[in-house]
Amino acid sequence: MNKASLLKRFLPVFVSAAAAALFCAGCRSMEIGLKESLGIPKREQMVSEVTKARDAQNEAKEQFSSALEQFSAVLSYEGGDLESQYKSLNAEYEKSRSKASAVAGRIERVKEVSAALFKEWEQELDQYSSDRLRQSSEAKLRQTRLRYDKLMTAMERARDKIDPVLSAFRDQVLFLKHNLNAQAIASLQNELDVIESEIALLVREMEASIAEANLFIEQITGLAPIQEREMR
């Protein structure tokens, strides 16, 4: 099949995917605007999304720890129903995959509402007639962006540690699925140290990210609107 034929065949798929992405982005923008019209400002929405992202990471941390416990239990096999052991481990893997997806989704929501907030804040700087108030607001914007950048660095670093752990778990689950015998269990013993090390690193990164989120929330919620503070 030549390039022209391939393009003709797959162009509708590409267009549909792009349209769906734009539609989804538009929906997010509409949702942010709707909440604001209902009295929930973008700053409050950002804090809410950061809180949800923090909670999602905490749930993922607990789930991966649970999955490690299950993997260790499987390796302690001393007779019994191996099929049941496989199903339990696979269930933990699926739960872990779901939690990982939730973390990624929550981080994207934080990015979306934060981008909307910073864009609006930047645009509104030109509306000040007072140079003093504009400069104060601009300084607060810079501070908030710096805090946000530090938060996102921590969240994304933790998120990026998830895939290697998921891949390792998937390998163990697949291997066990097709080798339901004591020899297979024994052969997986060598993988325990590797997975324990990767999960320990993931947990540390997630705990650092959670701590950063807590600090961000504390700092942001302590920031009253510039105009209100300076008029007091």
Protein backbone atom coordinates (compact mmCIF):
# COMPACT_ATOMS: atom_id res chain seq x y z
CA MET A 1 0.00 0.00 0.00
CA ASN A 2 1.51 3.38 -1.05
CA LYS A 3 1.74 6.49 1.09
CA ALA A 4 -1.24 8.16 -0.56
CA SER A 5 -3.44 5.14 0.13
CA LEU A 6 -2.23 4.92 3.72
CA LEU A 7 -2.93 8.60 4.26
CA LYS A 8 -6.39 8.28 2.77
CA ARG A 9 -7.13 5.27 4.91
CA PHE A 10 -5.89 6.62 8.25
CA LEU A 11 -6.52 10.35 7.88
CA PRO A 12 -10.10 10.08 9.25
CA VAL A 13 -8.72 8.27 12.30
CA PHE A 14 -6.12 10.98 12.91
CA VAL A 15 -8.69 13.73 12.42
CA SER A 16 -11.12 12.04 14.80
CA ALA A 17 -8.41 11.61 17.44
CA ALA A 18 -7.35 15.24 17.13
CA ALA A 19 -10.96 16.41 17.29
CA ALA A 20 -11.56 14.31 20.37
CA ALA A 21 -8.50 15.79 22.05
CA LEU A 22 -9.60 19.33 21.22
CA PHE A 23 -13.13 18.57 22.36
CA CYS A 24 -11.83 17.17 25.64
CA ALA A 25 -9.63 20.23 26.17
CA GLY A 26 -12.62 22.44 25.36
CA CYS A 27 -14.74 20.56 27.88
CA ARG A 28 -12.11 21.11 30.57
CA SER A 29 -12.03 24.83 29.78
CA MET A 30 -15.84 25.01 29.90
CA GLU A 31 -15.88 23.12 33.20
CA ILE A 32 -13.38 25.54 34.73
CA GLY A 33 -15.41 28.51 33.48
CA LEU A 34 -18.68 27.02 34.72
CA LYS A 35 -17.30 26.45 38.20
CA GLU A 36 -16.04 30.00 38.27
CA SER A 37 -19.47 31.29 37.27
CA LEU A 38 -20.85 29.34 40.22
CA GLY A 39 -18.55 31.16 42.59
CA ILE A 40 -15.53 28.83 42.63
CA PRO A 41 -12.51 30.91 41.54
CA LYS A 42 -9.66 29.33 39.60
CA ARG A 43 -7.30 29.55 42.57
CA GLU A 44 -9.74 27.51 44.65
CA GLN A 45 -10.17 25.05 41.79
CA MET A 46 -6.40 24.65 41.56
CA VAL A 47 -6.13 23.91 45.26
CA SER A 48 -8.92 21.35 44.90
CA GLU A 49 -7.19 19.61 41.99
CA VAL A 50 -3.83 19.57 43.80
CA THR A 51 -5.58 18.02 46.81
CA LYS A 52 -7.13 15.32 44.61
CA ALA A 53 -3.79 14.64 42.91
CA ARG A 54 -2.11 14.35 46.31
CA ASP A 55 -4.78 11.91 47.51
CA ALA A 56 -4.47 9.87 44.29
CA GLN A 57 -0.73 9.55 44.85
CA ASN A 58 -1.26 8.50 48.44
CA GLU A 59 -3.73 5.82 47.33
CA ALA A 60 -1.29 4.63 44.65
CA LYS A 61 1.51 4.45 47.21
CA GLU A 62 -0.63 2.27 49.47
CA GLN A 63 -1.72 0.08 46.56
CA PHE A 64 1.82 -0.59 45.37
CA SER A 65 2.81 -1.49 48.92
CA SER A 66 -0.13 -3.90 49.02
CA ALA A 67 0.92 -5.40 45.68
CA LEU A 68 4.43 -5.95 47.02
CA GLU A 69 2.99 -7.77 50.04
CA GLN A 70 0.97 -10.00 47.72
CA PHE A 71 4.02 -10.73 45.58
CA SER A 72 5.98 -11.67 48.69
CA ALA A 73 3.11 -13.91 49.79
CA VAL A 74 3.14 -15.70 46.42
CA LEU A 75 6.87 -16.28 46.72
CA SER A 76 6.30 -17.81 50.16
CA TYR A 77 4.20 -20.49 48.48
CA GLU A 78 4.45 -23.82 50.30
CA GLY A 79 1.74 -25.75 48.57
CA GLY A 80 -1.83 -24.99 47.68
CA ASP A 81 -3.81 -23.56 44.81
CA LEU A 82 -1.36 -21.79 42.49
CA GLU A 83 -4.19 -20.62 40.28
CA SER A 84 -5.61 -18.74 43.24
CA GLN A 85 -2.17 -17.23 43.93
CA TYR A 86 -1.95 -16.04 40.34
CA LYS A 87 -5.44 -14.50 40.44
CA SER A 88 -4.64 -12.63 43.65
CA LEU A 89 -1.41 -11.25 42.23
CA ASN A 90 -3.10 -10.30 38.96
CA ALA A 91 -5.85 -8.50 40.87
CA GLU A 92 -3.22 -6.47 42.72
CA TYR A 93 -1.54 -5.64 39.42
CA GLU A 94 -4.82 -4.43 37.90
CA LYS A 95 -5.56 -2.31 40.96
CA SER A 96 -2.07 -0.83 40.75
CA ARG A 97 -2.54 -0.04 37.07
CA SER A 98 -5.84 1.67 37.82
CA LYS A 99 -4.28 3.78 40.59
CA ALA A 100 -1.41 4.73 38.28
CA SER A 101 -3.88 5.90 35.65
CA ALA A 102 -5.72 7.95 38.27
CA VAL A 103 -2.48 9.66 39.30
CA ALA A 104 -1.65 10.59 35.70
CA GLY A 105 -5.16 11.92 35.13
CA ARG A 106 -5.13 14.02 38.28
CA ILE A 107 -1.79 15.58 37.40
CA GLU A 108 -3.20 16.60 34.01
CA ARG A 109 -6.18 18.23 35.72
CA VAL A 110 -3.82 20.23 37.93
CA LYS A 111 -1.96 21.39 34.82
CA GLU A 112 -5.16 22.44 33.06
CA VAL A 113 -6.65 24.55 35.82
CA SER A 114 -3.26 26.03 36.72
CA ALA A 115 -2.66 27.06 33.10
CA ALA A 116 -6.06 28.79 33.06
CA LEU A 117 -5.32 30.57 36.34
CA PHE A 118 -1.88 31.80 35.30
CA LYS A 119 -3.13 32.94 31.89
CA GLU A 120 -5.94 34.96 33.46
CA TRP A 121 -3.66 36.38 36.14
CA GLU A 122 -1.11 37.45 33.52
CA GLN A 123 -3.76 39.13 31.39
CA GLU A 124 -5.28 40.98 34.33
CA LEU A 125 -1.97 42.62 35.25
CA ASP A 126 -2.58 45.10 32.43
CA GLN A 127 -5.85 46.18 34.03
CA TYR A 128 -4.21 47.85 37.03
CA SER A 129 -4.03 51.63 37.11
CA SER A 130 -1.84 51.49 40.22
CA ASP A 131 1.78 50.58 39.48
CA ARG A 132 2.28 49.54 43.09
CA LEU A 133 -0.60 47.08 43.06
CA ARG A 134 0.37 45.72 39.65
CA GLN A 135 3.96 45.13 40.75
CA SER A 136 2.79 43.46 43.95
CA SER A 137 0.42 41.19 42.03
CA GLU A 138 3.13 40.40 39.48
CA ALA A 139 5.53 39.45 42.27
CA LYS A 140 2.89 37.19 43.81
CA LEU A 141 2.31 35.58 40.42
CA ARG A 142 6.03 34.81 40.11
CA GLN A 143 6.10 33.30 43.59
CA THR A 144 3.06 31.15 42.88
CA ARG A 145 4.53 29.92 39.60
CA LEU A 146 7.78 28.99 41.32
CA ARG A 147 5.87 27.02 43.95
CA TYR A 148 3.78 25.39 41.25
CA ASP A 149 6.84 24.44 39.19
CA LYS A 150 8.42 22.83 42.23
CA LEU A 151 5.21 20.92 42.92
CA MET A 152 4.90 19.66 39.34
CA THR A 153 8.54 18.56 39.30
CA ALA A 154 7.89 16.42 42.39
CA MET A 155 4.58 15.04 41.08
CA GLU A 156 5.98 14.16 37.67
CA ARG A 157 9.11 12.59 39.15
CA ALA A 158 6.91 10.33 41.27
CA ARG A 159 4.64 9.56 38.31
CA ASP A 160 7.63 8.60 36.17
CA LYS A 161 8.71 6.03 38.75
CA ILE A 162 5.42 4.18 38.40
CA ASP A 163 5.89 2.67 34.92
CA PRO A 164 9.05 0.66 35.75
CA VAL A 165 7.28 -0.84 38.76
CA LEU A 166 4.17 -1.67 36.75
CA SER A 167 6.30 -3.26 34.03
CA ALA A 168 8.10 -5.42 36.57
CA PHE A 169 4.82 -6.54 38.12
CA ARG A 170 3.32 -7.28 34.73
CA ASP A 171 6.30 -9.49 33.91
CA GLN A 172 5.87 -11.48 37.12
CA VAL A 173 2.13 -11.87 36.60
CA LEU A 174 2.56 -13.02 33.00
CA PHE A 175 5.31 -15.45 33.94
CA LEU A 176 3.24 -16.92 36.74
CA LYS A 177 0.18 -17.17 34.48
CA HIS A 178 1.99 -19.50 32.08
CA ASN A 179 4.09 -21.35 34.66
CA LEU A 180 1.84 -22.41 37.49
CA ASN A 181 4.31 -24.63 39.31
CA ALA A 182 6.65 -24.57 42.29
CA GLN A 183 9.73 -24.22 40.07
CA ALA A 184 8.32 -21.02 38.57
CA ILE A 185 7.68 -19.61 42.04
CA ALA A 186 11.25 -20.39 43.02
CA SER A 187 12.63 -18.73 39.90
CA LEU A 188 10.81 -15.50 40.78
CA GLN A 189 12.61 -15.24 44.10
CA ASN A 190 15.49 -13.47 42.38
CA GLU A 191 13.10 -10.71 41.29
CA LEU A 192 11.93 -9.84 44.79
CA ASP A 193 14.91 -7.66 45.67
CA VAL A 194 14.59 -5.73 42.41
CA ILE A 195 10.88 -5.04 42.89
CA GLU A 196 11.34 -4.16 46.56
CA SER A 197 14.02 -1.64 45.58
CA GLU A 198 11.88 -0.10 42.84
CA ILE A 199 8.83 0.18 45.06
CA ALA A 200 10.89 1.67 47.89
CA LEU A 201 12.12 4.34 45.47
CA LEU A 202 8.58 4.94 44.20
CA VAL A 203 7.23 5.30 47.74
CA ARG A 204 9.97 7.81 48.61
CA GLU A 205 9.21 9.89 45.53
CA MET A 206 5.48 9.79 46.22
CA GLU A 207 5.97 10.79 49.83
CA ALA A 208 8.13 13.70 48.68
CA SER A 209 5.46 14.70 46.18
CA ILE A 210 2.71 14.43 48.79
CA ALA A 211 4.73 16.61 51.17
CA GLU A 212 5.27 19.16 48.39
CA ALA A 213 1.54 19.18 47.64
CA ASN A 214 0.74 19.77 51.31
CA LEU A 215 3.20 22.68 51.41
CA PHE A 216 1.79 24.12 48.19
CA ILE A 217 -1.78 23.94 49.51
CA GLU A 218 -0.74 25.54 52.79
CA GLN A 219 1.07 28.36 51.01
CA ILE A 220 -1.60 28.99 48.39
CA THR A 221 -4.52 28.97 50.81
CA GLY A 222 -2.60 31.46 52.92
CA LEU A 223 -2.54 33.90 50.02
CA ALA A 224 -5.54 36.20 50.19
CA PRO A 225 -6.29 38.02 46.93
CA ILE A 226 -3.75 40.80 46.46
CA GLN A 227 -6.34 43.57 46.20
CA GLU A 228 -8.06 42.49 49.42
CA ARG A 229 -4.85 42.32 51.46
CA GLU A 230 -3.51 45.63 50.32
CA MET A 231 -6.77 47.45 50.93
CA ARG A 232 -6.87 46.38 54.57
